[in-house]
């Protein structure tokens, strides 16, 4: 599998802790909080996964780290900077050092593969076109798709699209890359390729990675540490070996895919008998 073959460079994050969330709470409305006192630490150079059921607040955590949302209480620090305290200019400067792989890739459909990856370079730098061309081809070569530079997203498979999105995420040589469900919808071969690329690029480029995913089996192969989120709280955490050996009911339900356990099948509601009786006259 083609991948970047450079020696690991010095991490671009200036602090030992790349990301730290301390006592973070957030809700889109007061009646339904999404996050409740989240504490999370991501050391520089590590690959960390955030897991949990749908709607538990995983993607919200990524949005708080990127400054799209502001924590209602607590602090979100990236490379030693309090994201919530940054003004517009400082926040944009920080974002230029963060790569993002969106769910299902989110490529620009009317741009070629080459143009998709060149876009952030043209938008955020004043590099000459000749140098941009070389950088784009280098990023594509790192994900094994240099030969697909002139194809359009509609001509790519799901796995290829995700690899192009990964090349775009590292176009600006970020210190931190965040992945929102990078394995969703992929066949087993493509899933394995993308998973190994995430791991190898993290190590080869000396970056820090945060992966939001439901795929427990692929994650256990590649990550350094896992946080489990449920109902807006961190309820379990550990290394892959600790997760495999865990007897925690939530972890076991998630790892084994059990329908019954701490995570209920039904969304909270009043008893069904009362629900029907309320409509009887």
C-alpha atoms as a PDB file:
ATOM      1  CA  UNK A   1       0.000   0.000   0.000  1.00  0.00           C
ATOM      2  CA  UNK A   2       1.615   3.283  -1.085  1.00  0.00           C
ATOM      3  CA  UNK A   3       2.099   5.700   1.793  1.00  0.00           C
ATOM      4  CA  UNK A   4       4.414   8.535   2.676  1.00  0.00           C
ATOM      5  CA  UNK A   5       7.928   7.236   3.276  1.00  0.00           C
ATOM      6  CA  UNK A   6       9.569  10.127   5.061  1.00  0.00           C
ATOM      7  CA  UNK A   7      11.208   9.993   8.458  1.00  0.00           C
ATOM      8  CA  UNK A   8       9.078  11.294  11.292  1.00  0.00           C
ATOM      9  CA  UNK A   9       9.395  15.057  11.622  1.00  0.00           C
ATOM     10  CA  UNK A  10       9.228  17.114  14.782  1.00  0.00           C
ATOM     11  CA  UNK A  11       5.595  17.582  15.822  1.00  0.00           C
ATOM     12  CA  UNK A  12       4.270  21.014  14.954  1.00  0.00           C
ATOM     13  CA  UNK A  13       2.322  21.247  18.211  1.00  0.00           C
ATOM     14  CA  UNK A  14       4.420  23.364  20.623  1.00  0.00           C
ATOM     15  CA  UNK A  15       3.027  21.769  23.800  1.00  0.00           C
ATOM     16  CA  UNK A  16       3.210  18.246  25.227  1.00  0.00           C
ATOM     17  CA  UNK A  17      -0.586  18.171  25.451  1.00  0.00           C
ATOM     18  CA  UNK A  18      -2.154  18.837  22.044  1.00  0.00           C
ATOM     19  CA  UNK A  19      -5.773  18.997  23.231  1.00  0.00           C
ATOM     20  CA  UNK A  20      -7.262  19.256  26.715  1.00  0.00           C
ATOM     21  CA  UNK A  21     -10.906  19.595  27.693  1.00  0.00           C
ATOM     22  CA  UNK A  22     -11.562  20.431  31.345  1.00  0.00           C
ATOM     23  CA  UNK A  23     -15.047  20.400  32.875  1.00  0.00           C
ATOM     24  CA  UNK A  24     -16.677  21.127  29.506  1.00  0.00           C
ATOM     25  CA  UNK A  25     -20.450  21.392  29.341  1.00  0.00           C
ATOM     26  CA  UNK A  26     -22.517  22.287  26.296  1.00  0.00           C
ATOM     27  CA  UNK A  27     -26.130  22.146  25.146  1.00  0.00           C
ATOM     28  CA  UNK A  28     -27.987  23.448  22.124  1.00  0.00           C
ATOM     29  CA  UNK A  29     -30.804  24.363  24.491  1.00  0.00           C
ATOM     30  CA  UNK A  30     -31.109  24.491  28.270  1.00  0.00           C
ATOM     31  CA  UNK A  31     -33.597  21.637  28.440  1.00  0.00           C
ATOM     32  CA  UNK A  32     -31.323  19.064  26.782  1.00  0.00           C
ATOM     33  CA  UNK A  33     -27.592  19.303  27.591  1.00  0.00           C
ATOM     34  CA  UNK A  34     -25.300  17.425  25.175  1.00  0.00           C
ATOM     35  CA  UNK A  35     -22.066  17.379  27.174  1.00  0.00           C
ATOM     36  CA  UNK A  36     -21.846  17.323  30.966  1.00  0.00           C
ATOM     37  CA  UNK A  37     -18.445  17.892  32.539  1.00  0.00           C
ATOM     38  CA  UNK A  38     -16.173  16.387  29.891  1.00  0.00           C
ATOM     39  CA  UNK A  39     -12.503  15.919  30.866  1.00  0.00           C
ATOM     40  CA  UNK A  40     -10.232  14.697  28.085  1.00  0.00           C
ATOM     41  CA  UNK A  41      -6.503  14.823  27.371  1.00  0.00           C
ATOM     42  CA  UNK A  42      -4.827  14.108  24.019  1.00  0.00           C
ATOM     43  CA  UNK A  43      -1.009  14.048  24.222  1.00  0.00           C
ATOM     44  CA  UNK A  44       1.011  15.339  21.297  1.00  0.00           C
ATOM     45  CA  UNK A  45       1.670  12.743  18.607  1.00  0.00           C
ATOM     46  CA  UNK A  46      -1.003  10.291  19.784  1.00  0.00           C
ATOM     47  CA  UNK A  47      -3.981   8.843  17.929  1.00  0.00           C
ATOM     48  CA  UNK A  48      -7.048   8.948  20.163  1.00  0.00           C
ATOM     49  CA  UNK A  49     -10.551   7.630  19.449  1.00  0.00           C
ATOM     50  CA  UNK A  50     -13.843   8.956  20.816  1.00  0.00           C
ATOM     51  CA  UNK A  51     -16.618   6.359  20.799  1.00  0.00           C
ATOM     52  CA  UNK A  52     -20.210   6.100  21.881  1.00  0.00           C
ATOM     53  CA  UNK A  53     -23.741   5.707  20.624  1.00  0.00           C
ATOM     54  CA  UNK A  54     -25.352   8.019  18.090  1.00  0.00           C
ATOM     55  CA  UNK A  55     -26.235  11.411  19.543  1.00  0.00           C
ATOM     56  CA  UNK A  56     -23.978  11.101  22.609  1.00  0.00           C
ATOM     57  CA  UNK A  57     -21.962  14.240  21.762  1.00  0.00           C
ATOM     58  CA  UNK A  58     -18.901  12.904  19.882  1.00  0.00           C
ATOM     59  CA  UNK A  59     -19.095  15.283  16.904  1.00  0.00           C
ATOM     60  CA  UNK A  60     -19.969  18.136  19.263  1.00  0.00           C
ATOM     61  CA  UNK A  61     -16.595  17.585  20.947  1.00  0.00           C
ATOM     62  CA  UNK A  62     -14.855  18.007  17.576  1.00  0.00           C
ATOM     63  CA  UNK A  63     -16.783  21.224  16.932  1.00  0.00           C
ATOM     64  CA  UNK A  64     -15.735  22.591  20.315  1.00  0.00           C
ATOM     65  CA  UNK A  65     -12.080  21.769  19.602  1.00  0.00           C
ATOM     66  CA  UNK A  66     -12.299  23.506  16.217  1.00  0.00           C
ATOM     67  CA  UNK A  67     -14.050  26.549  17.670  1.00  0.00           C
ATOM     68  CA  UNK A  68     -17.295  26.131  15.731  1.00  0.00           C
ATOM     69  CA  UNK A  69     -19.005  25.975  19.099  1.00  0.00           C
ATOM     70  CA  UNK A  70     -18.079  27.549  22.437  1.00  0.00           C
ATOM     71  CA  UNK A  71     -18.281  25.627  25.703  1.00  0.00           C
ATOM     72  CA  UNK A  72     -20.861  26.979  28.130  1.00  0.00           C
ATOM     73  CA  UNK A  73     -18.614  26.068  31.079  1.00  0.00           C
ATOM     74  CA  UNK A  74     -15.114  24.656  31.283  1.00  0.00           C
ATOM     75  CA  UNK A  75     -12.172  25.174  28.924  1.00  0.00           C
ATOM     76  CA  UNK A  76     -11.057  23.733  25.595  1.00  0.00           C
ATOM     77  CA  UNK A  77      -7.315  24.161  25.012  1.00  0.00           C
ATOM     78  CA  UNK A  78      -5.531  23.351  21.746  1.00  0.00           C
ATOM     79  CA  UNK A  79      -1.738  23.658  21.662  1.00  0.00           C
ATOM     80  CA  UNK A  80      -1.925  25.626  24.896  1.00  0.00           C
ATOM     81  CA  UNK A  81      -4.492  28.139  23.602  1.00  0.00           C
ATOM     82  CA  UNK A  82      -7.918  28.569  25.181  1.00  0.00           C
ATOM     83  CA  UNK A  83     -10.152  28.188  22.119  1.00  0.00           C
ATOM     84  CA  UNK A  84     -13.114  29.874  23.789  1.00  0.00           C
ATOM     85  CA  UNK A  85     -11.070  33.009  24.524  1.00  0.00           C
ATOM     86  CA  UNK A  86      -9.693  33.509  20.997  1.00  0.00           C
ATOM     87  CA  UNK A  87     -10.874  36.371  18.837  1.00  0.00           C
ATOM     88  CA  UNK A  88     -11.869  35.798  15.197  1.00  0.00           C
ATOM     89  CA  UNK A  89      -8.381  36.358  13.756  1.00  0.00           C
ATOM     90  CA  UNK A  90      -6.633  34.143  16.308  1.00  0.00           C
ATOM     91  CA  UNK A  91      -9.248  31.397  15.892  1.00  0.00           C
ATOM     92  CA  UNK A  92      -8.792  31.350  12.107  1.00  0.00           C
ATOM     93  CA  UNK A  93      -5.024  31.194  12.585  1.00  0.00           C
ATOM     94  CA  UNK A  94      -5.463  28.170  14.869  1.00  0.00           C
ATOM     95  CA  UNK A  95      -7.826  26.483  12.413  1.00  0.00           C
ATOM     96  CA  UNK A  96      -5.212  26.709   9.672  1.00  0.00           C
ATOM     97  CA  UNK A  97      -3.138  24.334  11.802  1.00  0.00           C
ATOM     98  CA  UNK A  98      -5.991  21.822  12.125  1.00  0.00           C
ATOM     99  CA  UNK A  99      -6.994  19.359   9.411  1.00  0.00           C
ATOM    100  CA  UNK A 100     -10.513  17.925   9.221  1.00  0.00           C
ATOM    101  CA  UNK A 101     -11.816  14.837   7.488  1.00  0.00           C
ATOM    102  CA  UNK A 102     -15.587  15.207   7.375  1.00  0.00           C
ATOM    103  CA  UNK A 103     -18.045  12.336   7.434  1.00  0.00           C
ATOM    104  CA  UNK A 104     -18.223  10.750   3.946  1.00  0.00           C
ATOM    105  CA  UNK A 105     -15.348  12.990   2.769  1.00  0.00           C
ATOM    106  CA  UNK A 106     -17.343  16.109   1.794  1.00  0.00           C
ATOM    107  CA  UNK A 107     -15.356  16.662  -1.417  1.00  0.00           C
ATOM    108  CA  UNK A 108     -16.317  19.503  -3.743  1.00  0.00           C
ATOM    109  CA  UNK A 109     -18.215  17.618  -6.434  1.00  0.00           C
ATOM    110  CA  UNK A 110     -17.532  20.134  -9.236  1.00  0.00           C
ATOM    111  CA  UNK A 111     -13.762  20.061  -8.649  1.00  0.00           C
ATOM    112  CA  UNK A 112     -11.280  17.407  -9.701  1.00  0.00           C
ATOM    113  CA  UNK A 113      -9.302  15.443  -7.134  1.00  0.00           C
ATOM    114  CA  UNK A 114      -6.334  17.730  -7.805  1.00  0.00           C
ATOM    115  CA  UNK A 115      -8.411  20.899  -7.350  1.00  0.00           C
ATOM    116  CA  UNK A 116      -9.955  19.588  -4.112  1.00  0.00           C
ATOM    117  CA  UNK A 117      -6.534  19.224  -2.528  1.00  0.00           C
ATOM    118  CA  UNK A 118      -5.165  22.430  -4.024  1.00  0.00           C
ATOM    119  CA  UNK A 119      -8.111  24.409  -2.602  1.00  0.00           C
ATOM    120  CA  UNK A 120      -6.814  24.882   0.991  1.00  0.00           C
ATOM    121  CA  UNK A 121      -3.313  25.642  -0.323  1.00  0.00           C
ATOM    122  CA  UNK A 122      -4.657  28.391  -2.584  1.00  0.00           C
ATOM    123  CA  UNK A 123      -7.037  29.679   0.077  1.00  0.00           C
ATOM    124  CA  UNK A 124      -4.548  29.928   2.950  1.00  0.00           C
ATOM    125  CA  UNK A 125      -1.135  30.404   1.338  1.00  0.00           C
ATOM    126  CA  UNK A 126       0.506  32.548  -1.334  1.00  0.00           C
ATOM    127  CA  UNK A 127       2.486  29.694  -2.850  1.00  0.00           C
ATOM    128  CA  UNK A 128       3.205  29.675  -6.567  1.00  0.00           C
ATOM    129  CA  UNK A 129       1.163  27.277  -8.697  1.00  0.00           C
ATOM    130  CA  UNK A 130       4.211  25.180  -9.533  1.00  0.00           C
ATOM    131  CA  UNK A 131       4.861  24.513  -5.846  1.00  0.00           C
ATOM    132  CA  UNK A 132       1.154  23.879  -5.183  1.00  0.00           C
ATOM    133  CA  UNK A 133       1.201  21.276  -7.961  1.00  0.00           C
ATOM    134  CA  UNK A 134       4.150  19.492  -6.384  1.00  0.00           C
ATOM    135  CA  UNK A 135       2.570  19.543  -2.917  1.00  0.00           C
ATOM    136  CA  UNK A 136      -0.763  18.208  -4.199  1.00  0.00           C
ATOM    137  CA  UNK A 137       0.946  15.343  -6.013  1.00  0.00           C
ATOM    138  CA  UNK A 138       2.972  14.557  -2.876  1.00  0.00           C
ATOM    139  CA  UNK A 139      -0.188  14.377  -0.745  1.00  0.00           C
ATOM    140  CA  UNK A 140      -1.915  12.191  -3.333  1.00  0.00           C
ATOM    141  CA  UNK A 141       1.093   9.922  -3.520  1.00  0.00           C
ATOM    142  CA  UNK A 142       0.976   9.553   0.264  1.00  0.00           C
ATOM    143  CA  UNK A 143      -2.546   8.086   0.016  1.00  0.00           C
ATOM    144  CA  UNK A 144      -1.811   6.055  -3.128  1.00  0.00           C
ATOM    145  CA  UNK A 145      -3.910   8.138  -5.536  1.00  0.00           C
ATOM    146  CA  UNK A 146      -1.467  10.271  -7.532  1.00  0.00           C
ATOM    147  CA  UNK A 147      -2.812   8.632 -10.714  1.00  0.00           C
ATOM    148  CA  UNK A 148      -6.342   9.813  -9.901  1.00  0.00           C
ATOM    149  CA  UNK A 149      -5.488  13.531  -9.807  1.00  0.00           C
ATOM    150  CA  UNK A 150      -7.707  14.473 -12.767  1.00  0.00           C
ATOM    151  CA  UNK A 151     -10.713  12.351 -11.803  1.00  0.00           C
ATOM    152  CA  UNK A 152     -13.858  13.852 -10.279  1.00  0.00           C
ATOM    153  CA  UNK A 153     -15.544  12.691  -7.058  1.00  0.00           C
ATOM    154  CA  UNK A 154     -18.346  11.039  -9.060  1.00  0.00           C
ATOM    155  CA  UNK A 155     -15.714   8.776 -10.634  1.00  0.00           C
ATOM    156  CA  UNK A 156     -14.317   7.574  -7.303  1.00  0.00           C
ATOM    157  CA  UNK A 157     -15.285   4.677  -5.074  1.00  0.00           C
ATOM    158  CA  UNK A 158     -16.199   5.356  -1.452  1.00  0.00           C
ATOM    159  CA  UNK A 159     -12.771   4.265  -0.262  1.00  0.00           C
ATOM    160  CA  UNK A 160     -10.982   6.414  -2.842  1.00  0.00           C
ATOM    161  CA  UNK A 161     -13.089   9.446  -1.898  1.00  0.00           C
ATOM    162  CA  UNK A 162     -12.140   9.014   1.742  1.00  0.00           C
ATOM    163  CA  UNK A 163      -8.447   8.802   0.832  1.00  0.00           C
ATOM    164  CA  UNK A 164      -8.699  11.992  -1.253  1.00  0.00           C
ATOM    165  CA  UNK A 165     -10.378  13.694   1.709  1.00  0.00           C
ATOM    166  CA  UNK A 166      -7.502  12.510   3.902  1.00  0.00           C
ATOM    167  CA  UNK A 167      -4.975  13.999   1.451  1.00  0.00           C
ATOM    168  CA  UNK A 168      -6.877  17.302   1.617  1.00  0.00           C
ATOM    169  CA  UNK A 169      -6.929  17.167   5.425  1.00  0.00           C
ATOM    170  CA  UNK A 170      -3.113  17.031   5.544  1.00  0.00           C
ATOM    171  CA  UNK A 171      -2.553  19.508   2.688  1.00  0.00           C
ATOM    172  CA  UNK A 172      -1.410  22.296   5.011  1.00  0.00           C
ATOM    173  CA  UNK A 173       0.765  20.022   7.185  1.00  0.00           C
ATOM    174  CA  UNK A 174      -1.455  20.446  10.262  1.00  0.00           C
ATOM    175  CA  UNK A 175      -0.427  19.794  13.843  1.00  0.00           C
ATOM    176  CA  UNK A 176      -3.810  18.173  14.559  1.00  0.00           C
ATOM    177  CA  UNK A 177      -6.174  16.177  12.332  1.00  0.00           C
ATOM    178  CA  UNK A 178      -9.746  15.359  13.366  1.00  0.00           C
ATOM    179  CA  UNK A 179     -11.731  12.581  11.710  1.00  0.00           C
ATOM    180  CA  UNK A 180     -15.527  12.404  11.869  1.00  0.00           C
ATOM    181  CA  UNK A 181     -16.591   8.795  11.161  1.00  0.00           C
ATOM    182  CA  UNK A 182     -13.790   8.089   8.633  1.00  0.00           C
ATOM    183  CA  UNK A 183     -14.795   4.420   8.270  1.00  0.00           C
ATOM    184  CA  UNK A 184     -18.545   4.863   7.705  1.00  0.00           C
ATOM    185  CA  UNK A 185     -19.879   3.113   4.610  1.00  0.00           C
ATOM    186  CA  UNK A 186     -16.601   1.482   3.586  1.00  0.00           C
ATOM    187  CA  UNK A 187     -16.135  -2.128   2.545  1.00  0.00           C
ATOM    188  CA  UNK A 188     -13.716  -4.202   4.684  1.00  0.00           C
ATOM    189  CA  UNK A 189     -10.757  -3.715   2.309  1.00  0.00           C
ATOM    190  CA  UNK A 190     -11.205   0.064   1.986  1.00  0.00           C
ATOM    191  CA  UNK A 191     -11.805   0.329   5.728  1.00  0.00           C
ATOM    192  CA  UNK A 192      -8.523  -1.422   6.467  1.00  0.00           C
ATOM    193  CA  UNK A 193      -6.631   0.756   3.972  1.00  0.00           C
ATOM    194  CA  UNK A 194      -8.022   4.008   5.401  1.00  0.00           C
ATOM    195  CA  UNK A 195      -7.386   2.858   8.969  1.00  0.00           C
ATOM    196  CA  UNK A 196      -3.756   2.038   8.263  1.00  0.00           C
ATOM    197  CA  UNK A 197      -3.294   5.331   6.398  1.00  0.00           C
ATOM    198  CA  UNK A 198      -4.583   7.266   9.410  1.00  0.00           C
ATOM    199  CA  UNK A 199      -2.083   5.471  11.660  1.00  0.00           C
ATOM    200  CA  UNK A 200       0.911   5.704   9.311  1.00  0.00           C
ATOM    201  CA  UNK A 201       0.386   9.345   8.399  1.00  0.00           C
ATOM    202  CA  UNK A 202      -0.002  10.247  12.068  1.00  0.00           C
ATOM    203  CA  UNK A 203       3.375   8.681  12.834  1.00  0.00           C
ATOM    204  CA  UNK A 204       5.230   9.700   9.667  1.00  0.00           C
ATOM    205  CA  UNK A 205       4.159  13.353   9.838  1.00  0.00           C
ATOM    206  CA  UNK A 206       4.412  13.686  13.615  1.00  0.00           C
ATOM    207  CA  UNK A 207       0.852  14.951  13.962  1.00  0.00           C
ATOM    208  CA  UNK A 208      -1.863  14.328  16.556  1.00  0.00           C
ATOM    209  CA  UNK A 209      -5.117  12.646  15.531  1.00  0.00           C
ATOM    210  CA  UNK A 210      -8.604  12.454  17.054  1.00  0.00           C
ATOM    211  CA  UNK A 211     -10.992   9.926  15.499  1.00  0.00           C
ATOM    212  CA  UNK A 212     -14.727   9.869  16.140  1.00  0.00           C
ATOM    213  CA  UNK A 213     -15.973   6.432  15.113  1.00  0.00           C
ATOM    214  CA  UNK A 214     -18.342   3.557  15.808  1.00  0.00           C
ATOM    215  CA  UNK A 215     -15.942   0.980  14.390  1.00  0.00           C
ATOM    216  CA  UNK A 216     -14.520  -0.627  17.495  1.00  0.00           C
ATOM    217  CA  UNK A 217     -12.604  -3.407  15.737  1.00  0.00           C
ATOM    218  CA  UNK A 218     -10.655  -1.187  13.335  1.00  0.00           C
ATOM    219  CA  UNK A 219     -10.014   1.365  16.079  1.00  0.00           C
ATOM    220  CA  UNK A 220      -8.526  -1.212  18.434  1.00  0.00           C
ATOM    221  CA  UNK A 221      -5.950  -1.973  15.724  1.00  0.00           C
ATOM    222  CA  UNK A 222      -4.689   1.568  15.214  1.00  0.00           C
ATOM    223  CA  UNK A 223      -5.373   3.908  18.157  1.00  0.00           C
ATOM    224  CA  UNK A 224      -3.324   4.638  21.272  1.00  0.00           C
ATOM    225  CA  UNK A 225      -6.223   5.460  23.580  1.00  0.00           C
ATOM    226  CA  UNK A 226     -10.040   5.392  23.584  1.00  0.00           C
ATOM    227  CA  UNK A 227     -12.644   7.532  25.347  1.00  0.00           C
ATOM    228  CA  UNK A 228     -16.210   6.201  25.609  1.00  0.00           C
ATOM    229  CA  UNK A 229     -18.985   8.802  25.805  1.00  0.00           C
ATOM    230  CA  UNK A 230     -22.546   8.183  26.964  1.00  0.00           C
ATOM    231  CA  UNK A 231     -25.236  10.718  27.793  1.00  0.00           C
ATOM    232  CA  UNK A 232     -22.714  13.530  27.546  1.00  0.00           C
ATOM    233  CA  UNK A 233     -20.158  12.073  29.964  1.00  0.00           C
ATOM    234  CA  UNK A 234     -16.893  10.143  29.714  1.00  0.00           C
ATOM    235  CA  UNK A 235     -17.911   6.845  31.288  1.00  0.00           C
ATOM    236  CA  UNK A 236     -14.901   4.706  30.363  1.00  0.00           C
ATOM    237  CA  UNK A 237     -11.435   5.101  28.879  1.00  0.00           C
ATOM    238  CA  UNK A 238      -8.255   3.160  28.297  1.00  0.00           C
ATOM    239  CA  UNK A 239      -5.713   1.711  25.895  1.00  0.00           C
ATOM    240  CA  UNK A 240      -6.814  -0.924  23.338  1.00  0.00           C
ATOM    241  CA  UNK A 241      -5.508  -3.705  25.598  1.00  0.00           C
ATOM    242  CA  UNK A 242      -7.400  -2.285  28.585  1.00  0.00           C
ATOM    243  CA  UNK A 243     -10.583  -2.030  26.509  1.00  0.00           C
ATOM    244  CA  UNK A 244     -10.296  -5.634  25.312  1.00  0.00           C
ATOM    245  CA  UNK A 245      -9.852  -6.833  28.903  1.00  0.00           C
ATOM    246  CA  UNK A 246     -12.511  -4.535  30.396  1.00  0.00           C
ATOM    247  CA  UNK A 247     -15.471  -5.928  32.333  1.00  0.00           C
ATOM    248  CA  UNK A 248     -17.235  -2.551  32.396  1.00  0.00           C
ATOM    249  CA  UNK A 249     -20.862  -3.207  31.306  1.00  0.00           C
ATOM    250  CA  UNK A 250     -20.946  -0.254  28.888  1.00  0.00           C
ATOM    251  CA  UNK A 251     -17.614  -1.146  27.275  1.00  0.00           C
ATOM    252  CA  UNK A 252     -18.636  -4.785  26.911  1.00  0.00           C
ATOM    253  CA  UNK A 253     -21.985  -3.814  25.374  1.00  0.00           C
ATOM    254  CA  UNK A 254     -20.256  -1.531  22.885  1.00  0.00           C
ATOM    255  CA  UNK A 255     -17.393  -3.916  22.030  1.00  0.00           C
ATOM    256  CA  UNK A 256     -19.648  -6.965  21.728  1.00  0.00           C
ATOM    257  CA  UNK A 257     -22.539  -5.171  20.030  1.00  0.00           C
ATOM    258  CA  UNK A 258     -25.051  -6.379  22.616  1.00  0.00           C
ATOM    259  CA  UNK A 259     -28.618  -5.037  22.263  1.00  0.00           C
ATOM    260  CA  UNK A 260     -29.219  -5.067  26.024  1.00  0.00           C
ATOM    261  CA  UNK A 261     -27.094  -3.248  28.569  1.00  0.00           C
ATOM    262  CA  UNK A 262     -26.484   0.224  30.021  1.00  0.00           C
ATOM    263  CA  UNK A 263     -27.434   1.818  26.676  1.00  0.00           C
ATOM    264  CA  UNK A 264     -31.208   1.304  26.335  1.00  0.00           C
ATOM    265  CA  UNK A 265     -32.952   0.474  23.080  1.00  0.00           C
ATOM    266  CA  UNK A 266     -35.866   2.818  23.806  1.00  0.00           C
ATOM    267  CA  UNK A 267     -35.568   6.610  24.003  1.00  0.00           C
ATOM    268  CA  UNK A 268     -36.953   7.769  27.391  1.00  0.00           C
ATOM    269  CA  UNK A 269     -40.754   7.944  27.300  1.00  0.00           C
ATOM    270  CA  UNK A 270     -43.682   7.410  29.619  1.00  0.00           C
ATOM    271  CA  UNK A 271     -45.162   3.915  29.877  1.00  0.00           C
ATOM    272  CA  UNK A 272     -46.845   2.811  26.662  1.00  0.00           C
ATOM    273  CA  UNK A 273     -50.080   2.017  28.500  1.00  0.00           C
ATOM    274  CA  UNK A 274     -50.297   5.596  29.768  1.00  0.00           C
ATOM    275  CA  UNK A 275     -49.477   6.874  26.281  1.00  0.00           C
ATOM    276  CA  UNK A 276     -52.451   5.026  24.775  1.00  0.00           C
ATOM    277  CA  UNK A 277     -54.749   5.790  27.703  1.00  0.00           C
ATOM    278  CA  UNK A 278     -54.137   9.535  27.291  1.00  0.00           C
ATOM    279  CA  UNK A 279     -55.928   9.379  23.921  1.00  0.00           C
ATOM    280  CA  UNK A 280     -58.962   7.408  25.167  1.00  0.00           C
ATOM    281  CA  UNK A 281     -62.029   9.490  25.927  1.00  0.00           C
END
